[in-house]
Amino acid sequence: MTSPTTTPHKYVQLDERNVPIIAGTTMKVVELVMAQIAYGWSPEELQFQHPYLTMSQIYSALAYYWDNKEELDADIKRRGEYAEKLRQEAGESPFVARLRAQGLLK
C-alpha cells in the first residue's frame, strides 16, 4: 500500500487511487459532502453525526469540495446512477410484493 498524497488542504489526502479522504480516517470527502447534501446538515451537525471528525477536518473537507466541485459533483452523480442501476436490477423485494398482493401498496 502506498502512502497518501498530500493536498493543499491540511486535512485532506489522496489515497492510492487518488480518491480524496479525510486525513487520519477512511472517510471519503465525497461521503461527507453527500451527507451534507442529503440531510442539509451544517458543519456542526456533521461533527455531531461523525464525532470522530474534528471541525478542522470537516471544514477542510468542505473547502476541498468547493475547490474541486465539478469533479466531485460528477462522482456524486456517477454514484447515484450506479445505485439506481442496482435498484432497478434488484427488482421488487419479496416484502413489497407481499404488500402489493395484499392490496396494501399500489
PDB file of N, CA and C in Angstrom:
ATOM      1  N   MET A   1       0.849  -1.180   0.000  1.00  0.00           N
ATOM      2  CA  MET A   1       0.000   0.000   0.000  1.00  0.00           C
ATOM      3  C   MET A   1       0.893   1.241   0.000  1.00  0.00           C
ATOM      4  N   THR A   2       0.569   2.196  -0.842  1.00  0.00           N
ATOM      5  CA  THR A   2       1.343   3.427  -0.908  1.00  0.00           C
ATOM      6  C   THR A   2       0.820   4.424   0.113  1.00  0.00           C
ATOM      7  N   SER A   3       1.668   5.365   0.462  1.00  0.00           N
ATOM      8  CA  SER A   3       1.232   6.364   1.432  1.00  0.00           C
ATOM      9  C   SER A   3       0.378   7.414   0.730  1.00  0.00           C
ATOM     10  N   PRO A   4      -0.536   8.046   1.498  1.00  0.00           N
ATOM     11  CA  PRO A   4      -1.415   9.053   0.905  1.00  0.00           C
ATOM     12  C   PRO A   4      -0.634  10.247   0.371  1.00  0.00           C
ATOM     13  N   THR A   5      -1.189  10.891  -0.622  1.00  0.00           N
ATOM     14  CA  THR A   5      -0.611  12.089  -1.218  1.00  0.00           C
ATOM     15  C   THR A   5      -1.222  13.310  -0.548  1.00  0.00           C
ATOM     16  N   THR A   6      -0.406  14.276  -0.225  1.00  0.00           N
ATOM     17  CA  THR A   6      -0.926  15.491   0.403  1.00  0.00           C
ATOM     18  C   THR A   6      -1.617  16.375  -0.620  1.00  0.00           C
ATOM     19  N   THR A   7      -2.466  17.243  -0.114  1.00  0.00           N
ATOM     20  CA  THR A   7      -3.154  18.240  -0.934  1.00  0.00           C
ATOM     21  C   THR A   7      -2.943  19.592  -0.267  1.00  0.00           C
ATOM     22  N   PRO A   8      -3.329  20.682  -0.923  1.00  0.00           N
ATOM     23  CA  PRO A   8      -3.222  21.996  -0.273  1.00  0.00           C
ATOM     24  C   PRO A   8      -4.141  22.121   0.955  1.00  0.00           C
ATOM     25  N   HIS A   9      -5.061  21.202   1.107  1.00  0.00           N
ATOM     26  CA  HIS A   9      -5.992  21.213   2.233  1.00  0.00           C
ATOM     27  C   HIS A   9      -5.410  20.335   3.340  1.00  0.00           C
ATOM     28  N   LYS A  10      -5.133  20.949   4.463  1.00  0.00           N
ATOM     29  CA  LYS A  10      -4.394  20.307   5.543  1.00  0.00           C
ATOM     30  C   LYS A  10      -4.933  18.941   5.937  1.00  0.00           C
ATOM     31  N   TYR A  11      -6.244  18.785   5.974  1.00  0.00           N
ATOM     32  CA  TYR A  11      -6.848  17.545   6.464  1.00  0.00           C
ATOM     33  C   TYR A  11      -7.417  16.668   5.358  1.00  0.00           C
ATOM     34  N   VAL A  12      -6.995  16.875   4.134  1.00  0.00           N
ATOM     35  CA  VAL A  12      -7.451  16.038   3.014  1.00  0.00           C
ATOM     36  C   VAL A  12      -6.230  15.449   2.328  1.00  0.00           C
ATOM     37  N   GLN A  13      -6.280  14.143   2.111  1.00  0.00           N
ATOM     38  CA  GLN A  13      -5.225  13.432   1.399  1.00  0.00           C
ATOM     39  C   GLN A  13      -5.848  12.641   0.258  1.00  0.00           C
ATOM     40  N   LEU A  14      -5.027  12.305  -0.728  1.00  0.00           N
ATOM     41  CA  LEU A  14      -5.464  11.439  -1.818  1.00  0.00           C
ATOM     42  C   LEU A  14      -4.931  10.048  -1.528  1.00  0.00           C
ATOM     43  N   ASP A  15      -5.814   9.046  -1.577  1.00  0.00           N
ATOM     44  CA  ASP A  15      -5.362   7.678  -1.326  1.00  0.00           C
ATOM     45  C   ASP A  15      -4.666   7.130  -2.572  1.00  0.00           C
ATOM     46  N   GLU A  16      -4.345   5.847  -2.548  1.00  0.00           N
ATOM     47  CA  GLU A  16      -3.589   5.246  -3.660  1.00  0.00           C
ATOM     48  C   GLU A  16      -4.347   5.272  -4.980  1.00  0.00           C
ATOM     49  N   ARG A  17      -5.665   5.485  -4.932  1.00  0.00           N
ATOM     50  CA  ARG A  17      -6.465   5.577  -6.163  1.00  0.00           C
ATOM     51  C   ARG A  17      -6.829   7.021  -6.496  1.00  0.00           C
ATOM     52  N   ASN A  18      -6.155   7.974  -5.829  1.00  0.00           N
ATOM     53  CA  ASN A  18      -6.409   9.410  -5.998  1.00  0.00           C
ATOM     54  C   ASN A  18      -7.793   9.834  -5.536  1.00  0.00           C
ATOM     55  N   VAL A  19      -8.349   9.106  -4.597  1.00  0.00           N
ATOM     56  CA  VAL A  19      -9.641   9.461  -4.009  1.00  0.00           C
ATOM     57  C   VAL A  19      -9.366  10.334  -2.787  1.00  0.00           C
ATOM     58  N   PRO A  20      -9.986  11.526  -2.711  1.00  0.00           N
ATOM     59  CA  PRO A  20      -9.745  12.381  -1.552  1.00  0.00           C
ATOM     60  C   PRO A  20     -10.406  11.809  -0.296  1.00  0.00           C
ATOM     61  N   ILE A  21      -9.597  11.645   0.752  1.00  0.00           N
ATOM     62  CA  ILE A  21     -10.099  11.156   2.035  1.00  0.00           C
ATOM     63  C   ILE A  21      -9.731  12.165   3.119  1.00  0.00           C
ATOM     64  N   ILE A  22     -10.470  12.118   4.207  1.00  0.00           N
ATOM     65  CA  ILE A  22     -10.164  12.981   5.338  1.00  0.00           C
ATOM     66  C   ILE A  22      -8.983  12.359   6.075  1.00  0.00           C
ATOM     67  N   ALA A  23      -7.922  13.115   6.230  1.00  0.00           N
ATOM     68  CA  ALA A  23      -6.677  12.617   6.824  1.00  0.00           C
ATOM     69  C   ALA A  23      -6.935  11.991   8.189  1.00  0.00           C
ATOM     70  N   GLY A  24      -6.313  10.836   8.392  1.00  0.00           N
ATOM     71  CA  GLY A  24      -6.442  10.128   9.652  1.00  0.00           C
ATOM     72  C   GLY A  24      -7.687   9.276   9.763  1.00  0.00           C
ATOM     73  N   THR A  25      -8.466   9.207   8.683  1.00  0.00           N
ATOM     74  CA  THR A  25      -9.692   8.412   8.666  1.00  0.00           C
ATOM     75  C   THR A  25      -9.751   7.625   7.354  1.00  0.00           C
ATOM     76  N   THR A  26     -10.793   6.850   7.213  1.00  0.00           N
ATOM     77  CA  THR A  26     -11.068   6.183   5.936  1.00  0.00           C
ATOM     78  C   THR A  26     -12.240   6.848   5.221  1.00  0.00           C
ATOM     79  N   MET A  27     -12.749   7.953   5.766  1.00  0.00           N
ATOM     80  CA  MET A  27     -13.915   8.610   5.180  1.00  0.00           C
ATOM     81  C   MET A  27     -13.520   9.415   3.952  1.00  0.00           C
ATOM     82  N   LYS A  28     -14.237   9.154   2.877  1.00  0.00           N
ATOM     83  CA  LYS A  28     -14.031   9.907   1.641  1.00  0.00           C
ATOM     84  C   LYS A  28     -14.701  11.274   1.771  1.00  0.00           C
ATOM     85  N   VAL A  29     -14.074  12.275   1.187  1.00  0.00           N
ATOM     86  CA  VAL A  29     -14.636  13.623   1.190  1.00  0.00           C
ATOM     87  C   VAL A  29     -16.029  13.596   0.572  1.00  0.00           C
ATOM     88  N   VAL A  30     -16.197  12.847  -0.501  1.00  0.00           N
ATOM     89  CA  VAL A  30     -17.478  12.805  -1.198  1.00  0.00           C
ATOM     90  C   VAL A  30     -18.580  12.243  -0.286  1.00  0.00           C
ATOM     91  N   GLU A  31     -18.243  11.320   0.621  1.00  0.00           N
ATOM     92  CA  GLU A  31     -19.246  10.767   1.538  1.00  0.00           C
ATOM     93  C   GLU A  31     -19.735  11.830   2.517  1.00  0.00           C
ATOM     94  N   LEU A  32     -18.821  12.663   3.008  1.00  0.00           N
ATOM     95  CA  LEU A  32     -19.207  13.739   3.915  1.00  0.00           C
ATOM     96  C   LEU A  32     -20.088  14.750   3.181  1.00  0.00           C
ATOM     97  N   VAL A  33     -19.700  15.091   1.971  1.00  0.00           N
ATOM     98  CA  VAL A  33     -20.465  16.059   1.178  1.00  0.00           C
ATOM     99  C   VAL A  33     -21.846  15.504   0.848  1.00  0.00           C
ATOM    100  N   MET A  34     -21.920  14.218   0.509  1.00  0.00           N
ATOM    101  CA  MET A  34     -23.220  13.617   0.200  1.00  0.00           C
ATOM    102  C   MET A  34     -24.139  13.657   1.423  1.00  0.00           C
ATOM    103  N   ALA A  35     -23.598  13.449   2.607  1.00  0.00           N
ATOM    104  CA  ALA A  35     -24.411  13.542   3.826  1.00  0.00           C
ATOM    105  C   ALA A  35     -24.908  14.966   4.019  1.00  0.00           C
ATOM    106  N   GLN A  36     -24.037  15.934   3.761  1.00  0.00           N
ATOM    107  CA  GLN A  36     -24.455  17.319   3.907  1.00  0.00           C
ATOM    108  C   GLN A  36     -25.558  17.669   2.912  1.00  0.00           C
ATOM    109  N   ILE A  37     -25.423  17.210   1.686  1.00  0.00           N
ATOM    110  CA  ILE A  37     -26.428  17.492   0.659  1.00  0.00           C
ATOM    111  C   ILE A  37     -27.737  16.767   0.979  1.00  0.00           C
ATOM    112  N   ALA A  38     -27.643  15.488   1.321  1.00  0.00           N
ATOM    113  CA  ALA A  38     -28.843  14.673   1.551  1.00  0.00           C
ATOM    114  C   ALA A  38     -29.663  15.167   2.736  1.00  0.00           C
ATOM    115  N   TYR A  39     -28.992  15.548   3.809  1.00  0.00           N
ATOM    116  CA  TYR A  39     -29.699  15.892   5.034  1.00  0.00           C
ATOM    117  C   TYR A  39     -29.706  17.391   5.336  1.00  0.00           C
ATOM    118  N   GLY A  40     -28.982  18.165   4.555  1.00  0.00           N
ATOM    119  CA  GLY A  40     -28.922  19.597   4.798  1.00  0.00           C
ATOM    120  C   GLY A  40     -28.177  19.944   6.077  1.00  0.00           C
ATOM    121  N   TRP A  41     -27.238  19.090   6.474  1.00  0.00           N
ATOM    122  CA  TRP A  41     -26.535  19.290   7.731  1.00  0.00           C
ATOM    123  C   TRP A  41     -25.520  20.422   7.654  1.00  0.00           C
ATOM    124  N   SER A  42     -25.460  21.184   8.712  1.00  0.00           N
ATOM    125  CA  SER A  42     -24.426  22.209   8.877  1.00  0.00           C
ATOM    126  C   SER A  42     -23.118  21.505   9.246  1.00  0.00           C
ATOM    127  N   PRO A  43     -21.995  22.209   9.182  1.00  0.00           N
ATOM    128  CA  PRO A  43     -20.742  21.593   9.640  1.00  0.00           C
ATOM    129  C   PRO A  43     -20.833  21.097  11.094  1.00  0.00           C
ATOM    130  N   GLU A  44     -21.537  21.844  11.923  1.00  0.00           N
ATOM    131  CA  GLU A  44     -21.682  21.437  13.317  1.00  0.00           C
ATOM    132  C   GLU A  44     -22.485  20.139  13.430  1.00  0.00           C
ATOM    133  N   GLU A  45     -23.527  20.000  12.620  1.00  0.00           N
ATOM    134  CA  GLU A  45     -24.319  18.765  12.635  1.00  0.00           C
ATOM    135  C   GLU A  45     -23.518  17.607  12.057  1.00  0.00           C
ATOM    136  N   LEU A  46     -22.717  17.887  11.036  1.00  0.00           N
ATOM    137  CA  LEU A  46     -21.835  16.839  10.510  1.00  0.00           C
ATOM    138  C   LEU A  46     -20.909  16.325  11.607  1.00  0.00           C
ATOM    139  N   GLN A  47     -20.385  17.234  12.420  1.00  0.00           N
ATOM    140  CA  GLN A  47     -19.490  16.829  13.507  1.00  0.00           C
ATOM    141  C   GLN A  47     -20.246  16.039  14.567  1.00  0.00           C
ATOM    142  N   PHE A  48     -21.494  16.432  14.847  1.00  0.00           N
ATOM    143  CA  PHE A  48     -22.319  15.686  15.801  1.00  0.00           C
ATOM    144  C   PHE A  48     -22.572  14.270  15.287  1.00  0.00           C
ATOM    145  N   GLN A  49     -22.835  14.139  13.995  1.00  0.00           N
ATOM    146  CA  GLN A  49     -23.117  12.836  13.397  1.00  0.00           C
ATOM    147  C   GLN A  49     -21.850  11.993  13.221  1.00  0.00           C
ATOM    148  N   HIS A  50     -20.716  12.651  13.108  1.00  0.00           N
ATOM    149  CA  HIS A  50     -19.423  11.974  12.924  1.00  0.00           C
ATOM    150  C   HIS A  50     -18.457  12.497  13.991  1.00  0.00           C
ATOM    151  N   PRO A  51     -18.650  12.090  15.240  1.00  0.00           N
ATOM    152  CA  PRO A  51     -17.860  12.663  16.338  1.00  0.00           C
ATOM    153  C   PRO A  51     -16.363  12.367  16.279  1.00  0.00           C
ATOM    154  N   TYR A  52     -15.963  11.432  15.442  1.00  0.00           N
ATOM    155  CA  TYR A  52     -14.542  11.123  15.280  1.00  0.00           C
ATOM    156  C   TYR A  52     -13.848  12.144  14.386  1.00  0.00           C
ATOM    157  N   LEU A  53     -14.612  13.035  13.751  1.00  0.00           N
ATOM    158  CA  LEU A  53     -14.046  14.095  12.919  1.00  0.00           C
ATOM    159  C   LEU A  53     -13.969  15.388  13.719  1.00  0.00           C
ATOM    160  N   THR A  54     -12.893  16.126  13.530  1.00  0.00           N
ATOM    161  CA  THR A  54     -12.797  17.438  14.152  1.00  0.00           C
ATOM    162  C   THR A  54     -13.441  18.469  13.226  1.00  0.00           C
ATOM    163  N   MET A  55     -13.748  19.621  13.783  1.00  0.00           N
ATOM    164  CA  MET A  55     -14.305  20.688  12.948  1.00  0.00           C
ATOM    165  C   MET A  55     -13.293  21.095  11.883  1.00  0.00           C
ATOM    166  N   SER A  56     -12.018  21.065  12.212  1.00  0.00           N
ATOM    167  CA  SER A  56     -10.985  21.402  11.224  1.00  0.00           C
ATOM    168  C   SER A  56     -11.006  20.422  10.065  1.00  0.00           C
ATOM    169  N   GLN A  57     -11.155  19.135  10.355  1.00  0.00           N
ATOM    170  CA  GLN A  57     -11.233  18.136   9.288  1.00  0.00           C
ATOM    171  C   GLN A  57     -12.456  18.379   8.414  1.00  0.00           C
ATOM    172  N   ILE A  58     -13.582  18.692   9.043  1.00  0.00           N
ATOM    173  CA  ILE A  58     -14.827  18.913   8.299  1.00  0.00           C
ATOM    174  C   ILE A  58     -14.705  20.130   7.401  1.00  0.00           C
ATOM    175  N   TYR A  59     -14.236  21.248   7.955  1.00  0.00           N
ATOM    176  CA  TYR A  59     -14.103  22.452   7.142  1.00  0.00           C
ATOM    177  C   TYR A  59     -13.078  22.272   6.025  1.00  0.00           C
ATOM    178  N   SER A  60     -12.018  21.550   6.291  1.00  0.00           N
ATOM    179  CA  SER A  60     -11.018  21.284   5.261  1.00  0.00           C
ATOM    180  C   SER A  60     -11.620  20.448   4.139  1.00  0.00           C
ATOM    181  N   ALA A  61     -12.399  19.429   4.510  1.00  0.00           N
ATOM    182  CA  ALA A  61     -13.054  18.580   3.501  1.00  0.00           C
ATOM    183  C   ALA A  61     -14.054  19.382   2.679  1.00  0.00           C
ATOM    184  N   LEU A  62     -14.819  20.248   3.329  1.00  0.00           N
ATOM    185  CA  LEU A  62     -15.793  21.067   2.600  1.00  0.00           C
ATOM    186  C   LEU A  62     -15.088  22.070   1.694  1.00  0.00           C
ATOM    187  N   ALA A  63     -13.975  22.633   2.149  1.00  0.00           N
ATOM    188  CA  ALA A  63     -13.205  23.543   1.296  1.00  0.00           C
ATOM    189  C   ALA A  63     -12.654  22.795   0.086  1.00  0.00           C
ATOM    190  N   TYR A  64     -12.190  21.566   0.321  1.00  0.00           N
ATOM    191  CA  TYR A  64     -11.696  20.750  -0.793  1.00  0.00           C
ATOM    192  C   TYR A  64     -12.820  20.530  -1.807  1.00  0.00           C
ATOM    193  N   TYR A  65     -14.015  20.232  -1.295  1.00  0.00           N
ATOM    194  CA  TYR A  65     -15.167  20.032  -2.196  1.00  0.00           C
ATOM    195  C   TYR A  65     -15.390  21.277  -3.056  1.00  0.00           C
ATOM    196  N   TRP A  66     -15.433  22.453  -2.430  1.00  0.00           N
ATOM    197  CA  TRP A  66     -15.723  23.657  -3.191  1.00  0.00           C
ATOM    198  C   TRP A  66     -14.609  23.991  -4.172  1.00  0.00           C
ATOM    199  N   ASP A  67     -13.388  23.640  -3.835  1.00  0.00           N
ATOM    200  CA  ASP A  67     -12.268  23.867  -4.757  1.00  0.00           C
ATOM    201  C   ASP A  67     -12.234  22.854  -5.895  1.00  0.00           C
ATOM    202  N   ASN A  68     -12.944  21.739  -5.743  1.00  0.00           N
ATOM    203  CA  ASN A  68     -12.961  20.661  -6.744  1.00  0.00           C
ATOM    204  C   ASN A  68     -14.394  20.233  -7.040  1.00  0.00           C
ATOM    205  N   LYS A  69     -15.310  21.187  -6.991  1.00  0.00           N
ATOM    206  CA  LYS A  69     -16.748  20.916  -7.076  1.00  0.00           C
ATOM    207  C   LYS A  69     -17.146  20.145  -8.335  1.00  0.00           C
ATOM    208  N   GLU A  70     -16.661  20.549  -9.467  1.00  0.00           N
ATOM    209  CA  GLU A  70     -17.067  19.903 -10.723  1.00  0.00           C
ATOM    210  C   GLU A  70     -16.711  18.412 -10.716  1.00  0.00           C
ATOM    211  N   GLU A  71     -15.492  18.104 -10.308  1.00  0.00           N
ATOM    212  CA  GLU A  71     -15.034  16.713 -10.265  1.00  0.00           C
ATOM    213  C   GLU A  71     -15.824  15.885  -9.235  1.00  0.00           C
ATOM    214  N   LEU A  72     -16.031  16.447  -8.055  1.00  0.00           N
ATOM    215  CA  LEU A  72     -16.746  15.700  -7.017  1.00  0.00           C
ATOM    216  C   LEU A  72     -18.237  15.595  -7.316  1.00  0.00           C
ATOM    217  N   ASP A  73     -18.825  16.627  -7.921  1.00  0.00           N
ATOM    218  CA  ASP A  73     -20.228  16.528  -8.327  1.00  0.00           C
ATOM    219  C   ASP A  73     -20.412  15.433  -9.377  1.00  0.00           C
ATOM    220  N   ALA A  74     -19.444  15.287 -10.274  1.00  0.00           N
ATOM    221  CA  ALA A  74     -19.514  14.203 -11.263  1.00  0.00           C
ATOM    222  C   ALA A  74     -19.440  12.847 -10.569  1.00  0.00           C
ATOM    223  N   ASP A  75     -18.620  12.731  -9.530  1.00  0.00           N
ATOM    224  CA  ASP A  75     -18.532  11.483  -8.771  1.00  0.00           C
ATOM    225  C   ASP A  75     -19.845  11.199  -8.055  1.00  0.00           C
ATOM    226  N   ILE A  76     -20.452  12.224  -7.460  1.00  0.00           N
ATOM    227  CA  ILE A  76     -21.744  12.054  -6.787  1.00  0.00           C
ATOM    228  C   ILE A  76     -22.798  11.591  -7.783  1.00  0.00           C
ATOM    229  N   LYS A  77     -22.808  12.195  -8.965  1.00  0.00           N
ATOM    230  CA  LYS A  77     -23.775  11.805  -9.995  1.00  0.00           C
ATOM    231  C   LYS A  77     -23.552  10.356 -10.420  1.00  0.00           C
ATOM    232  N   ARG A  78     -22.298   9.970 -10.613  1.00  0.00           N
ATOM    233  CA  ARG A  78     -21.971   8.599 -11.005  1.00  0.00           C
ATOM    234  C   ARG A  78     -22.429   7.613  -9.935  1.00  0.00           C
ATOM    235  N   ARG A  79     -22.213   7.941  -8.675  1.00  0.00           N
ATOM    236  CA  ARG A  79     -22.641   7.069  -7.577  1.00  0.00           C
ATOM    237  C   ARG A  79     -24.162   6.914  -7.552  1.00  0.00           C
ATOM    238  N   GLY A  80     -24.869   8.013  -7.776  1.00  0.00           N
ATOM    239  CA  GLY A  80     -26.328   7.962  -7.805  1.00  0.00           C
ATOM    240  C   GLY A  80     -26.846   7.109  -8.952  1.00  0.00           C
ATOM    241  N   GLU A  81     -26.243   7.263 -10.114  1.00  0.00           N
ATOM    242  CA  GLU A  81     -26.645   6.461 -11.275  1.00  0.00           C
ATOM    243  C   GLU A  81     -26.370   4.981 -11.035  1.00  0.00           C
ATOM    244  N   TYR A  82     -25.247   4.679 -10.410  1.00  0.00           N
ATOM    245  CA  TYR A  82     -24.905   3.285 -10.119  1.00  0.00           C
ATOM    246  C   TYR A  82     -25.894   2.684  -9.117  1.00  0.00           C
ATOM    247  N   ALA A  83     -26.234   3.449  -8.091  1.00  0.00           N
ATOM    248  CA  ALA A  83     -27.199   2.973  -7.091  1.00  0.00           C
ATOM    249  C   ALA A  83     -28.563   2.725  -7.741  1.00  0.00           C
ATOM    250  N   GLU A  84     -28.980   3.609  -8.624  1.00  0.00           N
ATOM    251  CA  GLU A  84     -30.266   3.439  -9.308  1.00  0.00           C
ATOM    252  C   GLU A  84     -30.233   2.215 -10.211  1.00  0.00           C
ATOM    253  N   LYS A  85     -29.134   1.994 -10.899  1.00  0.00           N
ATOM    254  CA  LYS A  85     -28.989   0.817 -11.762  1.00  0.00           C
ATOM    255  C   LYS A  85     -29.122  -0.458 -10.929  1.00  0.00           C
ATOM    256  N   LEU A  86     -28.442  -0.497  -9.790  1.00  0.00           N
ATOM    257  CA  LEU A  86     -28.534  -1.673  -8.917  1.00  0.00           C
ATOM    258  C   LEU A  86     -29.956  -1.878  -8.396  1.00  0.00           C
ATOM    259  N   ARG A  87     -30.631  -0.770  -8.045  1.00  0.00           N
ATOM    260  CA  ARG A  87     -32.012  -0.858  -7.554  1.00  0.00           C
ATOM    261  C   ARG A  87     -32.919  -1.446  -8.623  1.00  0.00           C
ATOM    262  N   GLN A  88     -32.753  -0.997  -9.849  1.00  0.00           N
ATOM    263  CA  GLN A  88     -33.583  -1.499 -10.934  1.00  0.00           C
ATOM    264  C   GLN A  88     -33.279  -2.965 -11.222  1.00  0.00           C
ATOM    265  N   GLU A  89     -31.999  -3.330 -11.184  1.00  0.00           N
ATOM    266  CA  GLU A  89     -31.625  -4.723 -11.430  1.00  0.00           C
ATOM    267  C   GLU A  89     -32.142  -5.655 -10.338  1.00  0.00           C
ATOM    268  N   ALA A  90     -32.204  -5.162  -9.120  1.00  0.00           N
ATOM    269  CA  ALA A  90     -32.665  -5.983  -7.992  1.00  0.00           C
ATOM    270  C   ALA A  90     -34.162  -6.270  -8.092  1.00  0.00           C
ATOM    271  N   GLY A  91     -34.901  -5.376  -8.698  1.00  0.00           N
ATOM    272  CA  GLY A  91     -36.333  -5.572  -8.835  1.00  0.00           C
ATOM    273  C   GLY A  91     -37.052  -5.392  -7.508  1.00  0.00           C
ATOM    274  N   GLU A  92     -38.282  -5.782  -7.515  1.00  0.00           N
ATOM    275  CA  GLU A  92     -39.135  -5.620  -6.342  1.00  0.00           C
ATOM    276  C   GLU A  92     -38.768  -6.630  -5.262  1.00  0.00           C
ATOM    277  N   SER A  93     -38.710  -6.184  -4.039  1.00  0.00           N
ATOM    278  CA  SER A  93     -38.376  -7.089  -2.943  1.00  0.00           C
ATOM    279  C   SER A  93     -39.566  -7.996  -2.633  1.00  0.00           C
ATOM    280  N   PRO A  94     -39.319  -9.165  -2.080  1.00  0.00           N
ATOM    281  CA  PRO A  94     -40.414 -10.058  -1.688  1.00  0.00           C
ATOM    282  C   PRO A  94     -41.382  -9.391  -0.715  1.00  0.00           C
ATOM    283  N   PHE A  95     -40.879  -8.558   0.171  1.00  0.00           N
ATOM    284  CA  PHE A  95     -41.730  -7.863   1.133  1.00  0.00           C
ATOM    285  C   PHE A  95     -42.701  -6.928   0.421  1.00  0.00           C
ATOM    286  N   VAL A  96     -42.191  -6.138  -0.520  1.00  0.00           N
ATOM    287  CA  VAL A  96     -43.046  -5.221  -1.278  1.00  0.00           C
ATOM    288  C   VAL A  96     -44.048  -6.013  -2.102  1.00  0.00           C
ATOM    289  N   ALA A  97     -43.624  -7.129  -2.672  1.00  0.00           N
ATOM    290  CA  ALA A  97     -44.539  -7.975  -3.451  1.00  0.00           C
ATOM    291  C   ALA A  97     -45.681  -8.479  -2.576  1.00  0.00           C
ATOM    292  N   ARG A  98     -45.388  -8.894  -1.344  1.00  0.00           N
ATOM    293  CA  ARG A  98     -46.445  -9.357  -0.424  1.00  0.00           C
ATOM    294  C   ARG A  98     -47.406  -8.223  -0.085  1.00  0.00           C
ATOM    295  N   LEU A  99     -46.863  -7.050   0.188  1.00  0.00           N
ATOM    296  CA  LEU A  99     -47.732  -5.907   0.493  1.00  0.00           C
ATOM    297  C   LEU A  99     -48.624  -5.554  -0.693  1.00  0.00           C
ATOM    298  N   ARG A 100     -48.035  -5.615  -1.883  1.00  0.00           N
ATOM    299  CA  ARG A 100     -48.806  -5.339  -3.100  1.00  0.00           C
ATOM    300  C   ARG A 100     -49.912  -6.389  -3.285  1.00  0.00           C
ATOM    301  N   ALA A 101     -49.579  -7.649  -3.056  1.00  0.00           N
ATOM    302  CA  ALA A 101     -50.556  -8.745  -3.189  1.00  0.00           C
ATOM    303  C   ALA A 101     -51.691  -8.604  -2.176  1.00  0.00           C
ATOM    304  N   GLN A 102     -51.396  -8.033  -1.014  1.00  0.00           N
ATOM    305  CA  GLN A 102     -52.406  -7.836  -0.001  1.00  0.00           C
ATOM    306  C   GLN A 102     -53.207  -6.556  -0.207  1.00  0.00           C
ATOM    307  N   GLY A 103     -52.862  -5.826  -1.263  1.00  0.00           N
ATOM    308  CA  GLY A 103     -53.571  -4.579  -1.568  1.00  0.00           C
ATOM    309  C   GLY A 103     -53.135  -3.418  -0.691  1.00  0.00           C
ATOM    310  N   LEU A 104     -52.034  -3.566   0.002  1.00  0.00           N
ATOM    311  CA  LEU A 104     -51.573  -2.502   0.887  1.00  0.00           C
ATOM    312  C   LEU A 104     -50.690  -1.494   0.162  1.00  0.00           C
ATOM    313  N   LEU A 105     -50.246  -1.824  -1.027  1.00  0.00           N
ATOM    314  CA  LEU A 105     -49.491  -0.921  -1.886  1.00  0.00           C
ATOM    315  C   LEU A 105     -50.086  -0.941  -3.279  1.00  0.00           C
ATOM    316  N   LYS A 106     -49.966   0.163  -3.968  1.00  0.00           N
ATOM    317  CA  LYS A 106     -50.470   0.233  -5.336  1.00  0.00           C
ATOM    318  C   LYS A 106     -49.389  -0.084  -6.295  1.00  0.00           C
TER     319      LYS A 106
END
